[in-house]
N, C-alpha and C. Protein backbone atom coordinates (compact mmCIF):
# COMPACT_ATOMS: atom_id res chain seq x y z
N MET A 1 -15.49 8.54 4.67
CA MET A 1 -15.91 7.62 5.72
C MET A 1 -15.08 6.35 5.66
N LYS A 2 -14.55 5.93 6.79
CA LYS A 2 -13.74 4.73 6.85
C LYS A 2 -14.65 3.52 6.96
N THR A 3 -14.42 2.49 6.21
CA THR A 3 -15.24 1.30 6.24
C THR A 3 -14.45 0.13 6.77
N VAL A 4 -15.17 -0.91 7.22
CA VAL A 4 -14.52 -2.12 7.70
C VAL A 4 -13.68 -2.74 6.60
N LYS A 5 -14.20 -2.74 5.37
CA LYS A 5 -13.48 -3.35 4.26
C LYS A 5 -12.20 -2.60 3.96
N SER A 6 -12.24 -1.27 3.99
CA SER A 6 -11.03 -0.52 3.67
C SER A 6 -9.95 -0.78 4.71
N VAL A 7 -10.31 -0.86 5.97
CA VAL A 7 -9.35 -1.16 7.01
C VAL A 7 -8.80 -2.56 6.82
N TYR A 8 -9.68 -3.51 6.50
CA TYR A 8 -9.26 -4.89 6.31
C TYR A 8 -8.19 -5.00 5.25
N ILE A 9 -8.33 -4.24 4.18
CA ILE A 9 -7.36 -4.29 3.08
C ILE A 9 -5.98 -3.93 3.58
N TYR A 10 -5.87 -2.84 4.35
CA TYR A 10 -4.57 -2.42 4.86
C TYR A 10 -4.03 -3.40 5.88
N VAL A 11 -4.91 -3.91 6.77
CA VAL A 11 -4.47 -4.87 7.77
C VAL A 11 -3.94 -6.12 7.11
N PHE A 12 -4.67 -6.61 6.11
CA PHE A 12 -4.26 -7.83 5.43
C PHE A 12 -2.90 -7.64 4.76
N THR A 13 -2.73 -6.51 4.11
CA THR A 13 -1.45 -6.25 3.45
C THR A 13 -0.33 -6.16 4.46
N PHE A 14 -0.57 -5.47 5.58
CA PHE A 14 0.48 -5.31 6.58
C PHE A 14 0.84 -6.65 7.22
N CYS A 15 -0.17 -7.46 7.55
CA CYS A 15 0.10 -8.77 8.13
C CYS A 15 0.86 -9.66 7.16
N LEU A 16 0.53 -9.55 5.88
CA LEU A 16 1.25 -10.31 4.86
C LEU A 16 2.72 -9.94 4.88
N ILE A 17 3.01 -8.66 4.98
CA ILE A 17 4.39 -8.19 5.01
C ILE A 17 5.10 -8.73 6.25
N LEU A 18 4.42 -8.69 7.39
CA LEU A 18 5.04 -9.17 8.62
C LEU A 18 5.38 -10.65 8.53
N VAL A 19 4.43 -11.43 8.05
CA VAL A 19 4.64 -12.87 7.96
C VAL A 19 5.77 -13.19 7.01
N SER A 20 5.91 -12.39 5.96
CA SER A 20 6.94 -12.64 4.96
C SER A 20 8.34 -12.33 5.48
N PHE A 21 8.45 -11.52 6.55
CA PHE A 21 9.75 -11.12 7.10
C PHE A 21 10.66 -10.58 6.00
N VAL A 22 10.10 -9.69 5.18
CA VAL A 22 10.86 -9.19 4.04
C VAL A 22 11.95 -8.22 4.47
N ALA A 23 11.61 -7.32 5.38
CA ALA A 23 12.60 -6.33 5.81
C ALA A 23 12.33 -5.96 7.24
N CYS A 24 13.40 -5.77 7.99
CA CYS A 24 13.23 -5.40 9.40
C CYS A 24 14.41 -4.56 9.84
N ASN A 25 14.10 -3.42 10.52
CA ASN A 25 15.15 -2.52 10.95
C ASN A 25 14.63 -1.70 12.11
N THR A 26 15.44 -1.49 13.12
CA THR A 26 15.01 -0.69 14.26
C THR A 26 15.69 0.67 14.29
N GLY A 27 16.44 1.01 13.25
CA GLY A 27 17.12 2.29 13.19
C GLY A 27 16.18 3.38 12.70
N SER A 28 16.73 4.58 12.54
CA SER A 28 15.94 5.69 12.04
C SER A 28 16.74 6.42 10.97
N GLU A 29 15.99 7.18 10.16
CA GLU A 29 16.63 7.91 9.07
C GLU A 29 15.80 9.14 8.79
N PRO A 30 16.41 10.29 8.50
CA PRO A 30 15.64 11.51 8.26
C PRO A 30 14.65 11.35 7.12
N GLU A 31 13.49 11.95 7.30
CA GLU A 31 12.47 11.94 6.27
C GLU A 31 12.89 12.84 5.11
N ASP A 32 12.64 12.39 3.89
CA ASP A 32 12.93 13.20 2.71
C ASP A 32 11.66 13.97 2.36
N SER A 33 11.58 15.22 2.81
CA SER A 33 10.36 15.99 2.64
C SER A 33 10.17 16.50 1.23
N LYS A 34 11.22 16.48 0.42
CA LYS A 34 11.10 17.01 -0.94
C LYS A 34 10.60 15.97 -1.93
N LYS A 35 10.82 14.71 -1.65
CA LYS A 35 10.41 13.65 -2.56
C LYS A 35 9.70 12.56 -1.79
N GLN A 36 8.48 12.84 -1.40
CA GLN A 36 7.69 11.84 -0.70
C GLN A 36 6.92 10.99 -1.70
N LEU A 37 7.10 9.69 -1.62
CA LEU A 37 6.37 8.80 -2.51
C LEU A 37 4.88 8.93 -2.25
N ILE A 38 4.49 8.81 -0.99
CA ILE A 38 3.10 9.04 -0.57
C ILE A 38 3.14 10.23 0.38
N PRO A 39 2.65 11.39 -0.04
CA PRO A 39 2.81 12.61 0.76
C PRO A 39 2.05 12.52 2.08
N LEU A 40 2.77 12.72 3.17
CA LEU A 40 2.19 12.58 4.49
C LEU A 40 2.19 13.91 5.22
N ALA A 41 1.00 14.40 5.50
CA ALA A 41 0.78 15.59 6.32
C ALA A 41 -0.63 15.46 6.85
N ILE A 42 -0.84 15.88 8.09
CA ILE A 42 -2.17 15.77 8.67
C ILE A 42 -3.18 16.51 7.80
N GLY A 43 -4.25 15.84 7.45
CA GLY A 43 -5.28 16.41 6.59
C GLY A 43 -5.24 15.91 5.17
N ASN A 44 -4.11 15.37 4.73
CA ASN A 44 -4.06 14.78 3.39
C ASN A 44 -5.07 13.64 3.30
N SER A 45 -5.80 13.57 2.20
CA SER A 45 -6.84 12.55 2.09
C SER A 45 -6.98 12.05 0.66
N TRP A 46 -7.47 10.82 0.55
CA TRP A 46 -7.67 10.17 -0.73
C TRP A 46 -8.99 9.41 -0.68
N SER A 47 -9.76 9.51 -1.75
CA SER A 47 -11.02 8.78 -1.84
C SER A 47 -10.91 7.74 -2.95
N TYR A 48 -11.48 6.57 -2.71
CA TYR A 48 -11.37 5.46 -3.65
C TYR A 48 -12.71 4.79 -3.88
N THR A 49 -12.81 4.13 -5.00
CA THR A 49 -13.93 3.22 -5.24
C THR A 49 -13.34 1.84 -5.49
N GLN A 50 -13.97 0.82 -4.92
CA GLN A 50 -13.46 -0.54 -5.07
C GLN A 50 -14.49 -1.42 -5.75
N THR A 51 -14.01 -2.23 -6.68
CA THR A 51 -14.86 -3.15 -7.44
C THR A 51 -14.29 -4.55 -7.33
N THR A 52 -15.14 -5.53 -7.08
CA THR A 52 -14.70 -6.92 -7.00
C THR A 52 -15.23 -7.69 -8.21
N PHE A 53 -14.51 -8.75 -8.57
CA PHE A 53 -14.83 -9.52 -9.78
C PHE A 53 -14.87 -11.01 -9.48
N ASP A 54 -15.66 -11.75 -10.28
CA ASP A 54 -15.62 -13.20 -10.17
C ASP A 54 -14.55 -13.74 -11.11
N THR A 55 -14.42 -15.05 -11.18
CA THR A 55 -13.33 -15.65 -11.95
C THR A 55 -13.51 -15.50 -13.46
N THR A 56 -14.69 -15.05 -13.89
CA THR A 56 -14.90 -14.82 -15.33
C THR A 56 -14.60 -13.38 -15.71
N GLY A 57 -14.31 -12.55 -14.70
CA GLY A 57 -14.03 -11.15 -14.97
C GLY A 57 -15.23 -10.25 -14.84
N LYS A 58 -16.38 -10.84 -14.47
CA LYS A 58 -17.59 -10.04 -14.29
C LYS A 58 -17.62 -9.44 -12.89
N VAL A 59 -18.21 -8.24 -12.79
CA VAL A 59 -18.35 -7.60 -11.48
C VAL A 59 -19.22 -8.47 -10.59
N SER A 60 -18.72 -8.79 -9.40
CA SER A 60 -19.44 -9.71 -8.53
C SER A 60 -20.21 -9.01 -7.42
N SER A 61 -19.93 -7.73 -7.18
CA SER A 61 -20.67 -6.98 -6.18
C SER A 61 -20.62 -5.50 -6.54
N ALA A 62 -21.56 -4.76 -5.99
CA ALA A 62 -21.62 -3.33 -6.29
C ALA A 62 -20.37 -2.62 -5.79
N ALA A 63 -19.90 -1.67 -6.57
CA ALA A 63 -18.74 -0.89 -6.15
C ALA A 63 -19.08 -0.09 -4.89
N TYR A 64 -18.13 0.05 -4.00
CA TYR A 64 -18.35 0.87 -2.82
C TYR A 64 -17.21 1.87 -2.69
N HIS A 65 -17.45 2.90 -1.93
CA HIS A 65 -16.50 4.02 -1.82
C HIS A 65 -15.97 4.12 -0.40
N PHE A 66 -14.73 4.52 -0.26
CA PHE A 66 -14.16 4.73 1.06
C PHE A 66 -13.09 5.81 0.99
N ASP A 67 -12.83 6.41 2.12
CA ASP A 67 -11.85 7.49 2.24
C ASP A 67 -10.69 7.06 3.13
N ASP A 68 -9.53 7.63 2.87
CA ASP A 68 -8.37 7.44 3.73
C ASP A 68 -7.80 8.83 4.01
N LYS A 69 -7.44 9.08 5.26
CA LYS A 69 -6.99 10.41 5.65
C LYS A 69 -5.88 10.31 6.69
N VAL A 70 -4.85 11.13 6.54
CA VAL A 70 -3.80 11.21 7.55
C VAL A 70 -4.36 12.00 8.73
N ASP A 71 -4.48 11.32 9.89
CA ASP A 71 -5.19 11.95 11.00
C ASP A 71 -4.32 12.35 12.19
N SER A 72 -3.07 11.89 12.24
CA SER A 72 -2.23 12.26 13.38
C SER A 72 -0.76 11.97 13.08
N ASP A 73 0.11 12.47 13.94
CA ASP A 73 1.53 12.14 13.83
C ASP A 73 2.11 11.96 15.22
N THR A 74 3.31 11.41 15.28
CA THR A 74 3.98 11.18 16.55
C THR A 74 5.48 11.12 16.31
N ILE A 75 6.25 11.18 17.36
CA ILE A 75 7.70 11.06 17.26
C ILE A 75 8.12 9.71 17.85
N ILE A 76 8.82 8.92 17.07
CA ILE A 76 9.35 7.63 17.51
C ILE A 76 10.85 7.64 17.24
N SER A 77 11.64 7.52 18.29
CA SER A 77 13.11 7.54 18.17
C SER A 77 13.59 8.75 17.37
N ASN A 78 13.07 9.91 17.73
CA ASN A 78 13.46 11.19 17.11
C ASN A 78 13.08 11.30 15.64
N GLU A 79 12.13 10.51 15.21
CA GLU A 79 11.68 10.53 13.81
C GLU A 79 10.16 10.70 13.77
N LYS A 80 9.68 11.53 12.86
CA LYS A 80 8.24 11.75 12.76
C LYS A 80 7.58 10.63 11.96
N TRP A 81 6.52 10.07 12.53
CA TRP A 81 5.70 9.05 11.87
C TRP A 81 4.25 9.53 11.86
N TYR A 82 3.49 9.01 10.90
CA TYR A 82 2.10 9.43 10.73
C TYR A 82 1.16 8.24 10.84
N HIS A 83 -0.08 8.56 11.20
CA HIS A 83 -1.11 7.52 11.17
C HIS A 83 -2.17 7.91 10.15
N SER A 84 -2.63 6.93 9.42
CA SER A 84 -3.67 7.13 8.41
C SER A 84 -4.87 6.26 8.78
N GLU A 85 -6.08 6.77 8.52
CA GLU A 85 -7.30 6.09 8.93
C GLU A 85 -7.42 4.68 8.35
N GLY A 86 -6.78 4.43 7.22
CA GLY A 86 -6.89 3.12 6.60
C GLY A 86 -6.08 2.04 7.28
N TYR A 87 -5.22 2.42 8.22
CA TYR A 87 -4.36 1.46 8.91
C TYR A 87 -4.89 1.20 10.32
N PRO A 88 -4.56 0.03 10.89
CA PRO A 88 -4.91 -0.21 12.30
C PRO A 88 -4.19 0.80 13.19
N ASN A 89 -4.71 0.97 14.40
CA ASN A 89 -4.19 2.02 15.28
C ASN A 89 -2.71 1.86 15.62
N TYR A 90 -2.21 0.63 15.58
CA TYR A 90 -0.83 0.40 16.01
C TYR A 90 0.19 0.51 14.87
N VAL A 91 -0.25 0.81 13.67
CA VAL A 91 0.66 0.92 12.53
C VAL A 91 0.89 2.39 12.19
N TRP A 92 2.16 2.77 12.11
CA TRP A 92 2.55 4.12 11.74
C TRP A 92 3.32 4.08 10.42
N ILE A 93 3.28 5.16 9.68
CA ILE A 93 3.88 5.19 8.35
C ILE A 93 4.74 6.45 8.19
N THR A 94 5.75 6.35 7.33
CA THR A 94 6.57 7.52 7.05
C THR A 94 7.32 7.34 5.74
N ASN A 95 7.82 8.43 5.22
CA ASN A 95 8.71 8.41 4.06
C ASN A 95 10.13 8.65 4.54
N ARG A 96 11.05 7.82 4.09
CA ARG A 96 12.47 8.03 4.32
C ARG A 96 13.13 8.26 2.96
N SER A 97 14.41 8.52 2.97
CA SER A 97 15.10 8.83 1.72
C SER A 97 15.15 7.65 0.76
N ASN A 98 14.85 6.44 1.27
CA ASN A 98 14.86 5.26 0.39
C ASN A 98 13.49 4.64 0.19
N GLY A 99 12.43 5.31 0.64
CA GLY A 99 11.11 4.78 0.35
C GLY A 99 10.09 4.95 1.46
N PHE A 100 9.01 4.19 1.35
CA PHE A 100 7.84 4.29 2.23
C PHE A 100 7.88 3.15 3.24
N TRP A 101 7.77 3.50 4.52
CA TRP A 101 7.97 2.55 5.61
C TRP A 101 6.74 2.40 6.51
N HIS A 102 6.64 1.21 7.14
CA HIS A 102 5.67 0.94 8.19
C HIS A 102 6.41 0.73 9.51
N PHE A 103 5.76 1.07 10.61
CA PHE A 103 6.29 0.77 11.94
C PHE A 103 5.18 0.22 12.82
N ALA A 104 5.50 -0.81 13.62
CA ALA A 104 4.56 -1.34 14.60
C ALA A 104 5.31 -1.63 15.90
N LYS A 105 4.69 -1.28 17.00
CA LYS A 105 5.30 -1.48 18.31
C LYS A 105 5.17 -2.93 18.75
N ALA A 106 6.18 -3.45 19.41
CA ALA A 106 6.16 -4.82 19.90
C ALA A 106 4.95 -5.06 20.80
N GLY A 107 4.27 -6.20 20.58
CA GLY A 107 3.16 -6.58 21.44
C GLY A 107 1.82 -6.02 21.05
N THR A 108 1.77 -5.17 20.03
CA THR A 108 0.49 -4.58 19.62
C THR A 108 -0.34 -5.54 18.77
N SER A 109 0.27 -6.62 18.32
CA SER A 109 -0.40 -7.68 17.58
C SER A 109 0.32 -8.98 17.88
N PRO A 110 -0.38 -10.13 17.87
CA PRO A 110 0.28 -11.41 18.11
C PRO A 110 1.44 -11.68 17.15
N LEU A 111 1.39 -11.08 15.97
CA LEU A 111 2.44 -11.30 14.98
C LEU A 111 3.69 -10.46 15.27
N ILE A 112 3.53 -9.43 16.08
CA ILE A 112 4.62 -8.47 16.27
C ILE A 112 5.30 -8.74 17.61
N LYS A 113 6.44 -9.39 17.58
CA LYS A 113 7.16 -9.78 18.79
C LYS A 113 8.16 -8.71 19.23
N ARG A 114 8.52 -7.81 18.34
CA ARG A 114 9.47 -6.75 18.66
C ARG A 114 9.14 -5.52 17.83
N ASP A 115 9.69 -4.38 18.20
CA ASP A 115 9.50 -3.18 17.39
C ASP A 115 9.94 -3.48 15.97
N THR A 116 9.07 -3.20 15.02
CA THR A 116 9.32 -3.63 13.64
C THR A 116 9.14 -2.48 12.67
N THR A 117 10.16 -2.19 11.88
CA THR A 117 10.05 -1.24 10.78
C THR A 117 10.26 -1.98 9.48
N LEU A 118 9.40 -1.71 8.51
CA LEU A 118 9.43 -2.44 7.25
C LEU A 118 9.44 -1.49 6.07
N LEU A 119 10.37 -1.68 5.16
CA LEU A 119 10.37 -0.93 3.91
C LEU A 119 9.38 -1.60 2.97
N VAL A 120 8.33 -0.88 2.61
CA VAL A 120 7.27 -1.44 1.78
C VAL A 120 7.52 -1.13 0.31
N PHE A 121 7.62 0.16 -0.02
CA PHE A 121 7.86 0.58 -1.40
C PHE A 121 9.19 1.33 -1.47
N GLY A 122 10.15 0.80 -2.20
CA GLY A 122 11.41 1.49 -2.38
C GLY A 122 11.26 2.70 -3.27
N TYR A 123 11.91 3.82 -2.87
CA TYR A 123 11.85 5.05 -3.66
C TYR A 123 12.99 5.96 -3.25
N PRO A 124 13.74 6.53 -4.18
CA PRO A 124 13.60 6.44 -5.64
C PRO A 124 13.63 4.99 -6.14
N ALA A 125 12.93 4.78 -7.24
CA ALA A 125 12.72 3.43 -7.74
C ALA A 125 13.57 3.16 -8.98
N LYS A 126 13.93 1.90 -9.14
CA LYS A 126 14.68 1.45 -10.30
C LYS A 126 14.07 0.16 -10.81
N ILE A 127 13.77 0.12 -12.10
CA ILE A 127 13.11 -1.05 -12.69
C ILE A 127 13.92 -2.32 -12.44
N GLY A 128 13.20 -3.36 -12.06
CA GLY A 128 13.83 -4.66 -11.86
C GLY A 128 14.40 -4.87 -10.47
N THR A 129 14.28 -3.88 -9.60
CA THR A 129 14.80 -4.02 -8.25
C THR A 129 13.66 -4.25 -7.26
N LYS A 130 14.00 -4.81 -6.12
CA LYS A 130 13.03 -5.06 -5.06
C LYS A 130 13.63 -4.61 -3.74
N PRO A 131 13.78 -3.30 -3.56
CA PRO A 131 14.41 -2.78 -2.34
C PRO A 131 13.53 -2.96 -1.11
N GLY A 132 12.23 -3.09 -1.31
CA GLY A 132 11.30 -3.31 -0.21
C GLY A 132 10.50 -4.57 -0.44
N THR A 133 9.26 -4.55 -0.02
CA THR A 133 8.38 -5.70 -0.19
C THR A 133 7.97 -5.88 -1.64
N TYR A 134 7.87 -4.78 -2.37
CA TYR A 134 7.36 -4.80 -3.74
C TYR A 134 8.47 -4.58 -4.76
N GLU A 135 8.37 -5.30 -5.87
CA GLU A 135 9.32 -5.14 -6.98
C GLU A 135 8.86 -3.99 -7.87
N VAL A 136 9.82 -3.26 -8.40
CA VAL A 136 9.53 -2.16 -9.32
C VAL A 136 9.52 -2.71 -10.75
N VAL A 137 8.39 -2.59 -11.45
CA VAL A 137 8.31 -3.12 -12.81
C VAL A 137 8.18 -2.02 -13.86
N SER A 138 7.83 -0.80 -13.45
CA SER A 138 7.73 0.32 -14.38
C SER A 138 7.86 1.62 -13.61
N LEU A 139 8.47 2.61 -14.26
CA LEU A 139 8.61 3.93 -13.65
C LEU A 139 7.66 4.95 -14.25
N ASP A 140 7.00 4.59 -15.33
CA ASP A 140 6.22 5.58 -16.08
C ASP A 140 4.97 4.94 -16.67
N LYS A 141 4.20 4.28 -15.82
CA LYS A 141 2.98 3.60 -16.25
C LYS A 141 1.82 4.60 -16.23
N GLU A 142 1.17 4.75 -17.37
CA GLU A 142 0.02 5.66 -17.43
C GLU A 142 -1.22 4.95 -16.92
N VAL A 143 -1.88 5.55 -15.94
CA VAL A 143 -3.06 4.96 -15.33
C VAL A 143 -4.18 5.99 -15.34
N THR A 144 -5.33 5.60 -15.85
CA THR A 144 -6.49 6.48 -15.89
C THR A 144 -7.55 5.98 -14.91
N VAL A 145 -7.95 6.84 -14.00
CA VAL A 145 -8.99 6.55 -13.03
C VAL A 145 -9.94 7.74 -13.00
N GLN A 146 -10.95 7.68 -12.16
CA GLN A 146 -11.92 8.77 -12.10
C GLN A 146 -11.27 10.11 -11.76
N ALA A 147 -10.23 10.08 -10.94
CA ALA A 147 -9.56 11.32 -10.51
C ALA A 147 -8.71 11.94 -11.61
N GLY A 148 -8.46 11.19 -12.69
CA GLY A 148 -7.64 11.72 -13.77
C GLY A 148 -6.69 10.68 -14.35
N THR A 149 -5.77 11.14 -15.18
CA THR A 149 -4.75 10.27 -15.77
C THR A 149 -3.40 10.65 -15.16
N PHE A 150 -2.68 9.64 -14.69
CA PHE A 150 -1.44 9.89 -13.95
C PHE A 150 -0.32 8.98 -14.45
N ARG A 151 0.90 9.47 -14.34
CA ARG A 151 2.09 8.67 -14.58
C ARG A 151 2.52 8.07 -13.24
N CYS A 152 2.62 6.76 -13.21
CA CYS A 152 2.82 6.08 -11.94
C CYS A 152 4.04 5.16 -11.95
N ILE A 153 4.58 4.93 -10.77
CA ILE A 153 5.51 3.83 -10.56
C ILE A 153 4.66 2.59 -10.30
N HIS A 154 4.99 1.51 -10.98
CA HIS A 154 4.23 0.27 -10.86
C HIS A 154 5.00 -0.70 -9.98
N TYR A 155 4.41 -1.05 -8.83
CA TYR A 155 5.02 -1.98 -7.88
C TYR A 155 4.21 -3.28 -7.86
N VAL A 156 4.90 -4.41 -7.79
CA VAL A 156 4.23 -5.72 -7.77
C VAL A 156 4.78 -6.59 -6.65
N TYR A 157 3.87 -7.25 -5.95
CA TYR A 157 4.24 -8.27 -4.96
C TYR A 157 3.65 -9.60 -5.41
N LYS A 158 4.47 -10.63 -5.53
CA LYS A 158 4.01 -11.96 -5.92
C LYS A 158 4.23 -12.93 -4.78
N VAL A 159 3.20 -13.69 -4.45
CA VAL A 159 3.29 -14.68 -3.39
C VAL A 159 4.11 -15.87 -3.87
N ALA A 160 5.08 -16.27 -3.08
CA ALA A 160 5.87 -17.47 -3.42
C ALA A 160 5.07 -18.71 -3.06
N ASN A 161 4.92 -19.61 -4.01
CA ASN A 161 4.18 -20.86 -3.80
C ASN A 161 2.79 -20.62 -3.20
N PRO A 162 1.94 -19.87 -3.89
CA PRO A 162 0.61 -19.55 -3.36
C PRO A 162 -0.25 -20.80 -3.19
N THR A 163 -1.05 -20.81 -2.13
CA THR A 163 -1.95 -21.94 -1.86
C THR A 163 -3.41 -21.58 -2.09
N ASN A 164 -3.70 -20.30 -2.29
CA ASN A 164 -5.06 -19.86 -2.55
C ASN A 164 -5.16 -19.30 -3.96
N TYR A 165 -6.05 -19.85 -4.76
CA TYR A 165 -6.17 -19.40 -6.15
C TYR A 165 -6.59 -17.95 -6.25
N TRP A 166 -7.27 -17.44 -5.22
CA TRP A 166 -7.77 -16.06 -5.27
C TRP A 166 -6.74 -15.04 -4.82
N PHE A 167 -5.58 -15.50 -4.35
CA PHE A 167 -4.58 -14.54 -3.91
C PHE A 167 -3.18 -15.01 -4.28
N THR A 168 -2.65 -14.41 -5.33
CA THR A 168 -1.26 -14.70 -5.72
C THR A 168 -0.40 -13.44 -5.71
N GLY A 169 -1.02 -12.29 -5.45
CA GLY A 169 -0.22 -11.08 -5.37
C GLY A 169 -1.02 -9.80 -5.35
N PHE A 170 -0.29 -8.70 -5.18
CA PHE A 170 -0.83 -7.35 -5.23
C PHE A 170 -0.03 -6.53 -6.23
N GLU A 171 -0.65 -5.50 -6.77
CA GLU A 171 0.10 -4.50 -7.52
C GLU A 171 -0.43 -3.12 -7.17
N TYR A 172 0.50 -2.18 -7.07
CA TYR A 172 0.18 -0.80 -6.73
C TYR A 172 0.71 0.14 -7.80
N PHE A 173 -0.05 1.19 -8.07
CA PHE A 173 0.35 2.24 -9.01
C PHE A 173 0.39 3.54 -8.21
N ILE A 174 1.59 4.10 -8.05
CA ILE A 174 1.78 5.24 -7.16
C ILE A 174 2.45 6.39 -7.91
N THR A 175 1.87 7.57 -7.77
CA THR A 175 2.46 8.79 -8.33
C THR A 175 3.16 9.55 -7.21
N PRO A 176 4.48 9.69 -7.26
CA PRO A 176 5.20 10.42 -6.22
C PRO A 176 4.64 11.84 -6.05
N GLY A 177 4.45 12.23 -4.80
CA GLY A 177 3.90 13.54 -4.52
C GLY A 177 2.39 13.59 -4.49
N LEU A 178 1.73 12.52 -4.94
CA LEU A 178 0.27 12.43 -4.93
C LEU A 178 -0.21 11.26 -4.09
N GLY A 179 0.40 10.09 -4.30
CA GLY A 179 0.02 8.92 -3.52
C GLY A 179 -0.45 7.77 -4.39
N ILE A 180 -1.19 6.87 -3.77
CA ILE A 180 -1.65 5.66 -4.45
C ILE A 180 -2.82 5.99 -5.37
N VAL A 181 -2.64 5.72 -6.65
CA VAL A 181 -3.66 5.98 -7.66
C VAL A 181 -4.56 4.76 -7.84
N LYS A 182 -3.95 3.58 -7.77
CA LYS A 182 -4.72 2.35 -7.99
C LYS A 182 -3.97 1.19 -7.35
N TRP A 183 -4.72 0.22 -6.83
CA TRP A 183 -4.11 -1.04 -6.43
C TRP A 183 -5.11 -2.16 -6.64
N GLN A 184 -4.59 -3.36 -6.82
CA GLN A 184 -5.47 -4.49 -7.05
C GLN A 184 -4.83 -5.79 -6.58
N GLN A 185 -5.70 -6.71 -6.21
CA GLN A 185 -5.27 -8.05 -5.84
C GLN A 185 -5.54 -8.97 -7.02
N PHE A 186 -4.61 -9.86 -7.29
CA PHE A 186 -4.85 -10.80 -8.38
C PHE A 186 -4.65 -12.24 -7.92
N GLY A 187 -5.30 -13.15 -8.64
CA GLY A 187 -5.22 -14.57 -8.36
C GLY A 187 -4.91 -15.33 -9.63
N LYS A 188 -4.88 -16.65 -9.52
CA LYS A 188 -4.59 -17.48 -10.69
C LYS A 188 -5.53 -18.68 -10.70
N LEU A 189 -6.15 -18.92 -11.85
CA LEU A 189 -7.07 -20.03 -12.01
C LEU A 189 -6.32 -21.32 -12.29
N SER A 190 -7.03 -22.45 -12.21
CA SER A 190 -6.40 -23.74 -12.48
C SER A 190 -5.88 -23.82 -13.91
N SER A 191 -6.46 -23.01 -14.80
CA SER A 191 -6.02 -22.96 -16.19
C SER A 191 -4.67 -22.26 -16.33
N GLY A 192 -4.26 -21.57 -15.27
CA GLY A 192 -3.02 -20.81 -15.32
C GLY A 192 -3.23 -19.34 -15.63
N ASN A 193 -4.45 -18.98 -15.97
CA ASN A 193 -4.75 -17.58 -16.29
C ASN A 193 -4.88 -16.74 -15.02
N ASN A 194 -4.38 -15.52 -15.10
CA ASN A 194 -4.52 -14.60 -13.98
C ASN A 194 -5.88 -13.92 -14.03
N TRP A 195 -6.37 -13.51 -12.87
CA TRP A 195 -7.62 -12.74 -12.83
C TRP A 195 -7.54 -11.72 -11.70
N VAL A 196 -8.21 -10.59 -11.89
CA VAL A 196 -8.24 -9.54 -10.89
C VAL A 196 -9.36 -9.83 -9.90
N VAL A 197 -9.01 -9.97 -8.64
CA VAL A 197 -9.99 -10.26 -7.60
C VAL A 197 -10.76 -8.99 -7.23
N TYR A 198 -10.04 -7.91 -7.04
CA TYR A 198 -10.66 -6.61 -6.84
C TYR A 198 -9.68 -5.52 -7.27
N LYS A 199 -10.20 -4.35 -7.52
CA LYS A 199 -9.36 -3.19 -7.80
C LYS A 199 -9.92 -1.98 -7.06
N SER A 200 -9.03 -1.14 -6.58
CA SER A 200 -9.40 0.11 -5.92
C SER A 200 -8.78 1.26 -6.70
N GLU A 201 -9.60 2.25 -7.03
CA GLU A 201 -9.14 3.34 -7.88
C GLU A 201 -9.46 4.70 -7.26
N LEU A 202 -8.54 5.62 -7.43
CA LEU A 202 -8.66 6.96 -6.86
C LEU A 202 -9.77 7.74 -7.54
N THR A 203 -10.63 8.35 -6.73
CA THR A 203 -11.70 9.19 -7.27
C THR A 203 -11.50 10.67 -6.95
N ASN A 204 -10.82 10.94 -5.84
CA ASN A 204 -10.59 12.33 -5.44
C ASN A 204 -9.45 12.36 -4.42
N TYR A 205 -8.80 13.48 -4.28
CA TYR A 205 -7.71 13.57 -3.32
C TYR A 205 -7.48 15.02 -2.91
N LYS A 206 -6.88 15.19 -1.74
CA LYS A 206 -6.48 16.50 -1.24
C LYS A 206 -5.12 16.34 -0.60
N VAL A 207 -4.10 16.92 -1.21
CA VAL A 207 -2.73 16.77 -0.73
C VAL A 207 -2.12 18.14 -0.48
N ASN A 208 -1.61 18.35 0.70
CA ASN A 208 -0.99 19.63 1.05
C ASN A 208 0.48 19.66 0.63
């Protein structure tokens, strides 16, 4: 079941990327079907549980569950793009040979003035590089969640000169061929200590 909160998370992340103007390209490139960072096919689905925390690290609200599912595809400039329930209707996603991309049509949001394609997660990945919005900090991070234990690529986005203590960045843990295993938002207290605002963890998945 898709929830308002789950959609908000994706919208917020996508708007953050747009405002940052990290990457923009109107060209196309063949999809790499053999090495998809996040496998995209209609019917692929992932279930998550999300937990939020207060500044002391204590759980601040009951965990809730949400699902994300690839529900449709389309052709844009001779390239196949997919839509997933967790994204707003105007955002399409795909895998290219250099990573995971977003696309939004001009005028579908006040922030989007022209057709916009954005490289979000670079893949294949190399430690210490930032080919997309997120920097690669590890290629073999072991992550244990309800769905199991996985070896993940660890991606981090840090806000430059953050103005909100509750939001200084995101980090994602992704297993190629399976998808997003875990992601979390982090902030920084006046003491300088980091804290996890919320975390979302994989509980179940179905990948074709």
